[in-house]
Protein backbone atom coordinates (compact mmCIF):
# COMPACT_ATOMS: atom_id res chain seq x y z
CA MET A 1 -19.15 -15.28 -8.54
CA SER A 2 -21.21 -12.43 -7.74
CA SER A 3 -23.46 -11.28 -10.64
CA VAL A 4 -23.45 -7.60 -11.67
CA ILE A 5 -25.24 -6.53 -14.83
CA PRO A 6 -23.31 -3.54 -16.25
CA ILE A 7 -25.28 -0.34 -17.28
CA ALA A 8 -25.31 0.73 -20.86
CA ASN A 9 -22.02 1.93 -22.11
CA PHE A 10 -20.12 0.62 -18.92
CA SER A 11 -17.70 -2.21 -18.83
CA PRO A 12 -15.72 -3.36 -15.70
CA LEU A 13 -12.89 -4.00 -18.03
CA TRP A 14 -12.44 -0.21 -18.30
CA LEU A 15 -10.84 -0.29 -14.80
CA THR A 16 -8.06 -2.52 -16.08
CA GLN A 17 -7.17 -0.41 -18.97
CA ASP A 18 -3.66 1.14 -18.10
CA ARG A 19 -0.25 1.86 -19.29
CA ASP A 20 0.92 -0.81 -16.77
CA THR A 21 0.36 -4.07 -18.44
CA ARG A 22 0.15 -5.73 -15.07
CA LEU A 23 -3.39 -4.74 -14.85
CA HIS A 24 -4.52 -6.07 -18.21
CA ILE A 25 -6.82 -9.13 -18.28
CA ASP A 26 -5.43 -12.07 -19.89
CA PRO A 27 -8.10 -13.30 -22.41
CA LEU A 28 -7.15 -17.14 -21.54
CA SER A 29 -7.15 -16.98 -17.66
CA GLY A 30 -9.53 -14.03 -17.22
CA VAL A 31 -7.19 -12.45 -14.59
CA ASN A 32 -4.23 -9.97 -14.39
CA ALA A 33 -0.77 -10.52 -13.44
CA TYR A 34 -1.81 -10.74 -9.67
CA GLY A 35 -4.48 -13.29 -10.43
CA VAL A 36 -7.30 -10.76 -9.83
CA ALA A 37 -10.27 -10.61 -12.22
CA ALA A 38 -12.07 -7.52 -13.47
CA MET A 39 -15.46 -8.70 -11.66
CA PRO A 40 -16.20 -9.22 -7.93
CA ASP A 41 -15.96 -12.76 -6.70
CA SER A 42 -17.36 -13.00 -3.10
CA GLU A 43 -16.09 -16.60 -2.80
CA VAL A 44 -12.48 -15.45 -2.76
CA LEU A 45 -11.31 -14.60 0.61
CA GLU A 46 -9.46 -11.16 0.45
CA TRP A 47 -6.37 -11.64 2.76
CA GLY A 48 -3.90 -10.12 0.20
CA SER A 49 -4.33 -6.34 0.38
CA ALA A 50 -0.54 -5.88 0.66
CA THR A 51 -0.56 -6.62 -3.16
CA ALA A 52 -3.97 -6.38 -4.72
CA SER A 53 -7.57 -7.18 -4.06
CA ALA A 54 -10.47 -7.74 -6.61
CA ILE A 55 -12.94 -5.00 -6.86
CA SER A 56 -16.09 -5.36 -4.49
CA LEU A 57 -19.44 -5.30 -5.44
CA ASP A 58 -19.86 -2.00 -3.61
CA GLY A 59 -16.90 -0.56 -5.34
CA LEU A 60 -18.26 -1.67 -8.82
CA LYS A 61 -21.53 -0.30 -8.14
CA ALA A 62 -19.94 3.07 -7.19
CA ALA A 63 -18.15 3.03 -10.40
CA GLU A 64 -21.13 2.33 -12.56
CA GLN A 65 -23.38 4.99 -10.64
CA TRP A 66 -20.60 7.59 -11.14
CA TRP A 67 -20.21 6.75 -14.73
CA GLN A 68 -23.81 7.32 -15.40
CA VAL A 69 -23.32 10.93 -14.46
CA GLN A 70 -19.75 11.29 -16.19
CA HIS A 71 -20.19 9.46 -19.51
CA GLN A 72 -21.97 12.25 -21.17
CA ARG A 73 -19.11 14.74 -20.60
CA ASP A 74 -16.15 14.92 -23.04
CA GLU A 75 -12.99 13.48 -21.66
CA GLU A 76 -11.31 17.03 -21.25
CA LYS A 77 -14.24 18.31 -19.35
CA ARG A 78 -14.39 15.83 -16.61
CA ASP A 79 -13.82 17.56 -13.25
CA LEU A 80 -11.71 15.62 -10.73
CA SER A 81 -12.43 18.22 -8.08
CA ALA A 82 -15.27 16.16 -6.71
CA LEU A 83 -13.07 13.09 -6.15
CA ARG A 84 -10.19 15.20 -4.60
CA GLU A 85 -12.68 16.82 -2.24
CA SER A 86 -14.20 13.39 -1.23
CA LEU A 87 -10.63 11.97 -0.50
CA LEU A 88 -9.85 15.19 1.68
CA ARG A 89 -13.28 14.89 3.45
CA GLU A 90 -12.76 11.25 4.37
CA CYS A 91 -9.32 11.94 5.60
CA GLU A 92 -10.61 14.98 7.62
CA LEU A 93 -8.28 17.39 5.81
CA ASP A 94 -9.00 21.12 5.14
CA ARG A 95 -9.28 21.55 1.50
CA GLU A 96 -8.53 25.21 1.80
CA ASP A 97 -5.04 24.48 3.20
CA LEU A 98 -4.38 21.18 1.44
CA TRP A 99 -3.11 20.30 -2.04
CA CYS A 100 -4.47 17.16 -3.33
CA GLY A 101 -3.42 15.53 -6.62
CA LEU A 102 -4.84 12.22 -8.13
CA TYR A 103 -2.77 9.73 -10.08
CA PRO A 104 -3.29 6.21 -11.61
CA SER A 105 -0.92 4.71 -9.20
CA GLY A 106 1.11 5.22 -5.96
CA THR A 107 4.21 5.22 -8.16
CA GLU A 108 3.10 8.19 -10.08
CA GLY A 109 2.07 9.79 -6.84
CA LEU A 110 5.59 9.54 -5.69
CA ARG A 111 6.81 10.69 -8.95
CA ALA A 112 4.68 13.90 -8.60
CA ALA A 113 6.06 14.37 -5.10
CA ALA A 114 9.59 14.10 -6.37
CA LEU A 115 8.99 16.68 -9.08
CA VAL A 116 7.82 19.21 -6.23
CA CYS A 117 11.21 18.50 -4.54
CA ARG A 118 12.98 18.85 -7.68
CA GLY A 119 11.49 22.29 -8.38
CA GLU A 120 13.32 23.80 -5.36
CA GLY A 121 16.61 23.38 -7.35
CA GLY A 122 20.24 22.66 -6.22
CA ASP A 123 22.09 19.24 -6.31
CA LYS A 124 19.86 16.49 -4.45
CA ARG A 125 20.75 13.46 -2.77
CA LEU A 126 17.87 10.66 -2.25
CA PHE A 127 17.50 8.40 0.82
CA PHE A 128 14.91 5.79 0.25
CA CYS A 129 14.04 2.30 1.74
CA GLN A 130 15.50 -0.66 -0.13
CA GLU A 131 13.38 -1.60 -3.19
CA GLU A 132 12.62 -5.26 -1.94
CA GLU A 133 10.58 -3.50 0.79
CA THR A 134 8.71 -0.89 -1.62
CA GLY A 135 8.69 -2.02 -5.17
CA ARG A 136 11.33 -2.22 -8.05
CA ARG A 137 9.80 0.64 -9.89
CA VAL A 138 9.75 3.12 -7.06
CA PRO A 139 13.45 4.19 -7.03
CA ALA A 140 13.63 4.48 -10.70
CA ALA A 141 10.50 6.72 -10.77
CA LEU A 142 12.12 8.98 -7.93
CA GLN A 143 15.40 9.20 -9.72
CA GLN A 144 13.96 10.17 -13.02
CA ALA A 145 11.66 12.73 -11.42
CA LEU A 146 14.50 14.19 -9.47
CA GLY A 147 16.87 14.27 -12.41
CA ILE A 148 19.71 12.71 -10.37
CA SER A 149 22.28 9.96 -11.04
CA GLU A 150 22.41 6.86 -9.42
CA ALA A 151 25.40 7.85 -7.40
CA ASP A 152 23.21 10.33 -5.76
CA MET A 153 20.77 7.45 -4.43
CA SER A 154 21.36 6.07 -0.96
CA PRO A 155 19.14 3.11 -0.05
CA ILE A 156 18.06 2.69 3.61
CA CYS A 157 18.48 -1.19 4.52
CA LEU A 158 15.57 -2.35 6.71
CA ARG A 159 17.14 -5.78 6.62
CA ALA A 160 20.69 -7.31 6.84
CA PRO A 161 21.67 -9.35 3.76
CA SER A 162 20.31 -12.54 5.60
CA GLY A 163 17.06 -11.00 5.74
CA THR A 164 16.84 -10.36 9.38
CA ILE A 165 15.40 -7.09 10.65
CA ARG A 166 17.92 -4.52 11.61
CA SER A 167 17.45 -2.59 14.84
CA LEU A 168 15.68 0.87 14.45
CA GLY A 169 18.77 2.45 16.20
CA ALA A 170 21.02 1.01 13.33
CA VAL A 171 18.86 2.00 10.59
CA ASP A 172 18.41 5.61 12.02
CA GLU A 173 22.22 5.91 12.53
CA GLN A 174 22.90 5.01 8.97
CA LEU A 175 20.48 7.87 7.99
CA ARG A 176 21.95 10.28 10.09
CA VAL A 177 25.47 9.82 8.89
CA GLY A 178 24.41 9.79 5.31
CA VAL A 179 22.27 12.90 5.45
CA MET A 180 25.03 14.79 7.33
CA HIS A 181 27.51 13.89 4.73
CA ALA A 182 25.27 15.08 1.97
CA LEU A 183 24.60 18.41 3.74
CA GLY A 184 28.18 18.68 4.28
CA GLN A 185 28.71 18.27 0.55
CA GLY A 186 26.36 21.25 -0.10
CA GLN A 187 23.56 18.97 -1.45
CA ARG A 188 19.79 19.26 -0.68
CA VAL A 189 18.35 16.09 0.72
CA VAL A 190 15.13 14.24 -0.27
CA LEU A 191 14.31 11.68 2.27
CA VAL A 192 11.48 9.10 1.81
CA LEU A 193 9.89 7.90 4.97
CA THR A 194 8.16 4.44 4.12
CA GLU A 195 5.12 4.40 6.21
CA GLY A 196 4.42 0.66 5.74
CA THR A 197 6.85 -1.40 3.88
CA LYS A 198 5.99 -4.71 1.75
CA THR A 199 6.31 -6.59 5.22
CA GLY A 200 4.67 -3.91 7.32
CA ARG A 201 7.54 -1.89 8.83
CA ILE A 202 8.27 1.89 9.26
CA VAL A 203 11.66 2.95 7.71
CA PRO A 204 13.38 5.14 8.99
CA GLY A 205 12.15 5.92 12.45
CA VAL A 206 9.67 8.82 12.43
CA GLY A 207 11.48 10.48 15.19
CA CYS A 208 14.92 10.43 13.46
CA VAL A 209 13.27 12.00 10.26
CA ARG A 210 11.58 14.57 12.14
CA GLU A 211 14.62 15.52 14.13
CA LEU A 212 16.73 15.95 10.98
CA SER A 213 13.88 17.76 8.93
CA GLN A 214 13.31 20.17 11.88
CA ALA A 215 17.14 20.85 12.11
CA TYR A 216 17.51 21.74 8.49
CA PRO A 217 14.08 22.66 7.10
CA GLU A 218 15.34 24.57 4.19
CA ARG A 219 17.58 21.76 2.92
CA ILE A 220 15.67 18.55 3.76
CA LYS A 221 12.28 17.64 2.16
CA VAL A 222 10.23 14.51 3.29
CA ILE A 223 8.17 12.33 1.23
CA VAL A 224 6.08 9.86 3.01
CA ASP A 225 5.40 6.82 1.13
CA ALA A 226 2.06 5.68 2.68
CA CYS A 227 0.91 3.65 -0.33
CA GLN A 228 -0.26 0.81 2.01
CA PHE A 229 -2.47 3.46 3.61
CA ARG A 230 -2.37 1.53 6.94
CA LEU A 231 -2.37 4.67 9.07
CA SER A 232 -5.05 6.59 10.98
CA ASN A 233 -6.25 9.87 10.02
CA THR A 234 -4.68 11.46 13.15
CA ARG A 235 -1.27 10.17 11.76
CA LEU A 236 -1.95 11.33 8.23
CA GLN A 237 -2.92 14.93 9.37
CA ARG A 238 0.32 14.99 11.73
CA TYR A 239 2.53 14.33 8.76
CA VAL A 240 0.75 16.79 6.45
CA ARG A 241 0.83 19.45 9.36
CA TRP A 242 4.56 18.81 9.49
CA GLY A 243 5.00 19.95 5.92
CA TRP A 244 5.77 16.55 4.56
CA LEU A 245 4.41 15.35 1.19
CA VAL A 246 2.27 12.23 1.67
CA VAL A 247 1.45 9.71 -1.06
CA VAL A 248 -1.42 7.39 -0.47
CA THR A 249 -3.27 4.69 -2.46
CA GLY A 250 -6.77 3.27 -2.48
CA SER A 251 -5.61 -0.19 -3.65
CA LYS A 252 -3.73 -1.79 -0.49
CA PHE A 253 -5.27 -1.74 2.77
CA LEU A 254 -8.66 -0.08 1.61
CA GLY A 255 -9.15 -2.94 -0.66
CA GLY A 256 -9.91 -0.84 -3.95
CA PRO A 257 -8.99 -2.04 -7.25
CA PRO A 258 -5.50 -1.92 -8.58
CA PHE A 259 -4.12 0.83 -9.02
CA SER A 260 -4.84 4.38 -7.62
CA GLY A 261 -2.50 7.02 -5.96
CA ALA A 262 -2.74 10.57 -4.39
CA LEU A 263 -0.42 13.25 -3.35
CA LEU A 264 -1.38 15.30 -0.29
CA MET A 265 0.66 18.26 0.97
CA MET A 266 0.09 21.86 2.31
CA ARG A 267 -0.57 24.50 -0.39
CA GLN A 268 1.74 26.87 1.36
CA GLY A 269 5.09 27.11 -0.40
CA LEU A 270 3.73 25.54 -3.49
CA GLY A 271 4.25 28.19 -6.21
CA GLU A 272 1.76 28.56 -9.12
CA ARG A 273 3.89 27.40 -11.71
CA MET A 274 4.43 24.15 -9.74
CA ARG A 275 0.58 23.96 -9.39
CA GLN A 276 0.14 24.28 -12.89
CA ARG A 277 2.72 21.50 -13.78
CA LEU A 278 1.07 19.07 -11.22
CA ARG A 279 -2.38 19.67 -12.52
CA ALA A 280 -1.16 19.31 -16.32
CA LEU A 281 0.45 15.90 -15.02
CA GLU A 282 -2.78 14.91 -13.24
CA ALA A 283 -4.93 15.58 -16.44
CA GLU A 284 -2.49 13.60 -18.53
CA LEU A 285 -2.49 10.68 -16.35
CA MET A 286 -6.07 10.50 -14.87
CA ASP A 287 -7.91 8.92 -17.91
CA ARG A 288 -11.32 7.08 -17.60
CA ALA A 289 -9.96 4.04 -16.10
CA ALA A 290 -7.91 5.74 -13.35
CA GLN A 291 -10.98 7.78 -12.40
CA LEU A 292 -13.30 4.94 -12.23
CA ARG A 293 -10.50 3.18 -9.93
CA TRP A 294 -10.42 6.07 -7.66
CA VAL A 295 -14.26 6.01 -7.41
CA ALA A 296 -14.28 2.46 -6.31
CA ALA A 297 -11.45 3.04 -3.77
CA LEU A 298 -13.47 5.97 -2.32
CA ALA A 299 -16.29 3.79 -1.82
CA GLU A 300 -13.97 1.47 0.35
CA LEU A 301 -12.77 4.48 2.30
CA SER A 302 -16.10 5.90 2.87
CA GLN A 303 -17.11 2.64 4.66
CA TRP A 304 -13.83 2.33 6.62
CA ARG A 305 -14.03 5.87 7.96
CA ALA A 306 -17.66 5.36 8.94
CA VAL A 307 -17.16 2.50 11.37
CA PRO A 308 -16.56 3.26 15.00
CA LYS A 309 -12.81 3.31 15.78
CA ALA A 310 -13.25 3.02 19.64
CA ALA A 311 -13.62 -0.67 19.07
CA LEU A 312 -10.75 -1.06 16.60
CA VAL A 313 -7.88 -1.22 19.14
CA PRO A 314 -9.56 -3.71 21.29
CA LEU A 315 -10.39 -5.76 18.20
CA LEU A 316 -6.70 -5.65 16.87
CA GLU A 317 -5.47 -6.53 20.43
CA ARG A 318 -7.43 -9.76 20.11
CA LEU A 319 -6.93 -10.54 16.34
CA VAL A 320 -3.11 -10.04 15.96
CA PRO A 321 -2.13 -12.80 18.49
CA ARG A 322 -4.82 -15.10 17.31
CA ILE A 323 -3.58 -14.65 13.61
CA ASN A 324 0.05 -15.25 14.78
CA ARG A 325 -1.20 -18.51 16.54
CA ALA A 326 -3.02 -19.74 13.40
CA LEU A 327 0.25 -19.26 11.55
CA ALA A 328 2.21 -21.07 14.09
CA GLU A 329 -0.04 -24.21 13.80
CA HIS A 330 1.61 -25.23 10.52
CA PRO A 331 5.03 -26.57 10.50
CA GLU A 332 5.30 -25.52 6.77
CA PHE A 333 5.48 -21.83 7.81
CA ILE A 334 8.16 -19.91 9.17
CA VAL A 335 6.72 -16.85 10.90
CA GLU A 336 8.33 -13.49 11.10
CA PRO A 337 7.64 -12.03 14.52
CA CYS A 338 5.23 -8.92 14.53
CA SER A 339 5.16 -6.67 17.23
CA LEU A 340 3.81 -3.06 17.65
CA LEU A 341 5.03 -0.77 15.12
CA GLN A 342 7.73 1.73 16.27
CA ARG A 343 7.51 5.32 15.01
CA ASP A 344 9.24 7.20 17.77
CA ASP A 345 6.71 10.10 17.76
CA GLU A 346 3.79 11.21 19.68
CA ASP A 347 2.18 7.72 19.78
CA ASP A 348 -1.01 7.69 21.77
CA GLY A 349 -2.06 4.17 21.14
CA MET A 350 -3.81 4.58 17.82
CA TRP A 351 -4.83 1.55 15.84
CA ASP A 352 -2.12 2.00 13.34
CA SER A 353 0.44 0.87 15.96
CA TYR A 354 -0.87 -2.72 15.44
CA PRO A 355 0.52 -4.79 12.61
CA THR A 356 -1.82 -5.77 9.76
CA LEU A 357 0.73 -7.46 7.72
CA PHE A 358 2.06 -10.98 8.65
CA PRO A 359 4.92 -12.16 6.46
CA PHE A 360 5.81 -16.02 6.72
CA GLU A 361 8.16 -18.16 4.86
CA VAL A 362 7.10 -21.39 3.50
CA ARG A 363 9.07 -24.68 3.54
CA ARG A 364 8.51 -28.19 2.05
CA SER A 365 6.87 -30.73 4.48
CA GLN A 366 9.56 -33.24 3.51
CA GLY A 367 13.07 -31.94 4.17
CA GLY A 368 12.11 -28.42 5.39
CA THR A 369 13.71 -26.67 2.51
CA ARG A 370 12.34 -23.22 1.66
CA LEU A 371 10.13 -22.95 -1.50
CA SER A 372 11.67 -21.43 -4.43
CA LEU A 373 10.14 -18.16 -5.75
CA GLU A 374 8.49 -20.21 -8.78
CA ALA A 375 7.00 -22.76 -6.51
CA LEU A 376 5.65 -20.07 -3.99
CA GLN A 377 4.26 -18.09 -6.95
CA ALA A 378 2.58 -21.05 -8.10
CA VAL A 379 0.80 -21.52 -4.75
CA PHE A 380 -0.11 -17.75 -4.64
CA LEU A 381 -1.74 -18.00 -8.10
CA GLN A 382 -3.52 -21.21 -7.31
CA LEU A 383 -5.20 -20.04 -4.00
CA PRO A 384 -8.05 -18.06 -5.70
CA ARG A 385 -8.58 -20.89 -8.12
CA SER A 386 -11.13 -23.56 -7.53
CA GLY A 387 -9.96 -26.59 -5.96
CA GLU A 388 -10.06 -28.44 -2.58
CA GLY A 389 -10.71 -26.04 0.14
CA VAL A 390 -11.61 -22.46 0.38
CA ARG A 391 -10.40 -19.85 -2.38
CA GLY A 392 -8.48 -16.90 -1.06
CA ARG A 393 -5.70 -14.45 -1.79
CA LEU A 394 -2.51 -13.70 -0.06
CA GLY A 395 0.10 -10.97 -0.57
CA GLN A 396 2.15 -12.16 -3.47
CA PRO A 397 5.91 -13.35 -2.62
CA VAL A 398 8.37 -10.63 -1.37
CA MET A 399 12.16 -11.04 -1.07
CA LEU A 400 13.55 -10.86 2.56
CA GLY A 401 17.16 -11.62 1.84
CA HIS A 402 19.56 -14.63 1.45
CA ASP A 403 20.52 -17.41 3.96
CA HIS A 404 23.86 -19.03 3.07
CA GLY A 405 23.09 -18.04 -0.70
CA GLU A 406 19.52 -19.43 -0.52
CA PRO A 407 17.12 -16.76 -1.37
CA ARG A 408 14.46 -16.11 1.25
CA TRP A 409 10.96 -15.34 -0.13
CA ALA A 410 7.77 -14.84 2.01
CA LEU A 411 4.02 -14.71 1.45
CA ARG A 412 2.02 -12.12 3.52
CA LEU A 413 -1.27 -12.56 5.26
CA CYS A 414 -2.83 -9.23 5.47
CA LEU A 415 -5.65 -7.58 7.49
CA GLY A 416 -7.44 -4.96 5.38
CA ALA A 417 -10.41 -2.66 5.74
CA ARG A 418 -12.63 -5.00 3.79
CA LEU A 419 -12.16 -7.66 6.64
CA LEU A 420 -12.27 -5.37 9.42
CA VAL A 421 -15.37 -3.13 8.40
CA PRO A 422 -17.87 -6.21 8.49
CA ILE A 423 -16.57 -7.06 12.11
CA LEU A 424 -16.92 -3.49 13.40
CA ARG A 425 -20.34 -2.78 12.06
CA HIS A 426 -21.94 -6.08 12.82
CA GLU A 427 -24.61 -6.24 15.44
CA GLN A 428 -22.93 -9.45 16.82
CA SER A 429 -19.34 -8.42 16.47
CA ALA A 430 -17.92 -11.40 18.42
CA LEU A 431 -19.69 -13.82 15.92
CA ALA A 432 -18.17 -11.74 12.96
CA GLU A 433 -14.82 -11.70 14.57
CA THR A 434 -14.89 -15.63 15.01
CA GLY A 435 -16.10 -15.92 11.27
CA CYS A 436 -12.99 -13.74 10.26
CA LEU A 437 -10.60 -16.00 12.20
CA ASP A 438 -12.18 -19.13 10.69
CA GLN A 439 -11.81 -17.58 7.25
CA CYS A 440 -7.88 -17.15 8.23
CA ARG A 441 -7.48 -20.67 9.35
CA SER A 442 -9.26 -22.21 6.23
CA LEU A 443 -7.13 -20.16 3.92
CA LEU A 444 -3.83 -21.17 5.81
CA GLU A 445 -4.88 -24.78 5.61
CA ARG A 446 -5.37 -24.73 2.03
CA THR A 447 -2.11 -22.92 1.59
CA ALA A 448 -0.43 -25.70 3.53
CA ASP A 449 -2.16 -28.34 1.73
CA LEU A 450 -0.93 -27.08 -1.56
CA VAL A 451 2.46 -26.97 -0.31
CA ARG A 452 2.27 -30.60 0.79
CA LYS A 453 1.26 -31.52 -2.68
CA LEU A 454 4.20 -29.95 -4.32
């Protein structure tokens, strides 16, 4: 385990203090609900960025250094403007035109976005991606913030009940019919575009959402749930320029410690009363722990934005098929096909068109039956612990659907910034790329070995 000597009056445990008990460190196991410790551990291979990563040594150092400056200030006098400006700068967004709010999690960022939509008045209908692909807490947070009943919530289904992926055309048609019906009933529409589901999809189609929002700009508000943050600066800037409210986090693709969230939107049209309300909400929620987590996340974002992106597309063109082949080598794994992401917009071959999440189901070596959630969760939690083979982290189990009444759960192998940055800035990038793939194969071999021992 990496050794870090905390400065006076600083503890890495501060970052885990949150209203959300999933972040709390269990005193017996030394990890939180995701199996993540408060301290960095360089021996754990971080391939679980769809869920959570342990804080990196660089992230912890950044948090310590920031606290050296901030700890002498009273809580109410700590200014978040420097953190906001840092985020806007790394995303190449103009701080004069943009509103940025920081929150302790992506869910709270989505709640803030919904409050903005609620402020426009009128009866609302919410369209959102099914919770299995976004998170159980997201629909409830949006519903509460919008002040609507469950009857005014319309989930958009990425998957059929069996768990198979529906065609983009079918998903978009479901949305069009629902939106037109709501508008015909005199309702305003709040439409959530999930820019990166738990299994790496875009729901609904970007082209369909833009078509609807352009046709009815006064009656449709778009929230982009980009909490995975698996998108380029160009893509992010485009969404904001279109007048959409974008929510990101620093704790998924970037590999910052869980959790952190931010709302990005154009200042134009945001009234003074709503600005004051959002700042009051930010001040209430952004305590010491949340601030430290954002500092650590920004350290990861800074490293990610600094690497040369010209080499990123060719790198992903090589890595993606090799990762799929590595998964296919194990008969215990049922791999969900991953193709280029469909957005139906002005796509120009950006790196975020390539998949970085690789879902796979797991079946027993004997008999071929799928693992239950309990068995899969046991494998997920065992991987970072000491044992035979490498230690590492995958994305936690996610529900796909049901096959003849049998639940289908999948683990996720995830490419994140902390895996890609060392390759892109290495003088011998080919060697670093090979090392990354070797890590991947070793982690998958240990996963298969744990399954064989069940």
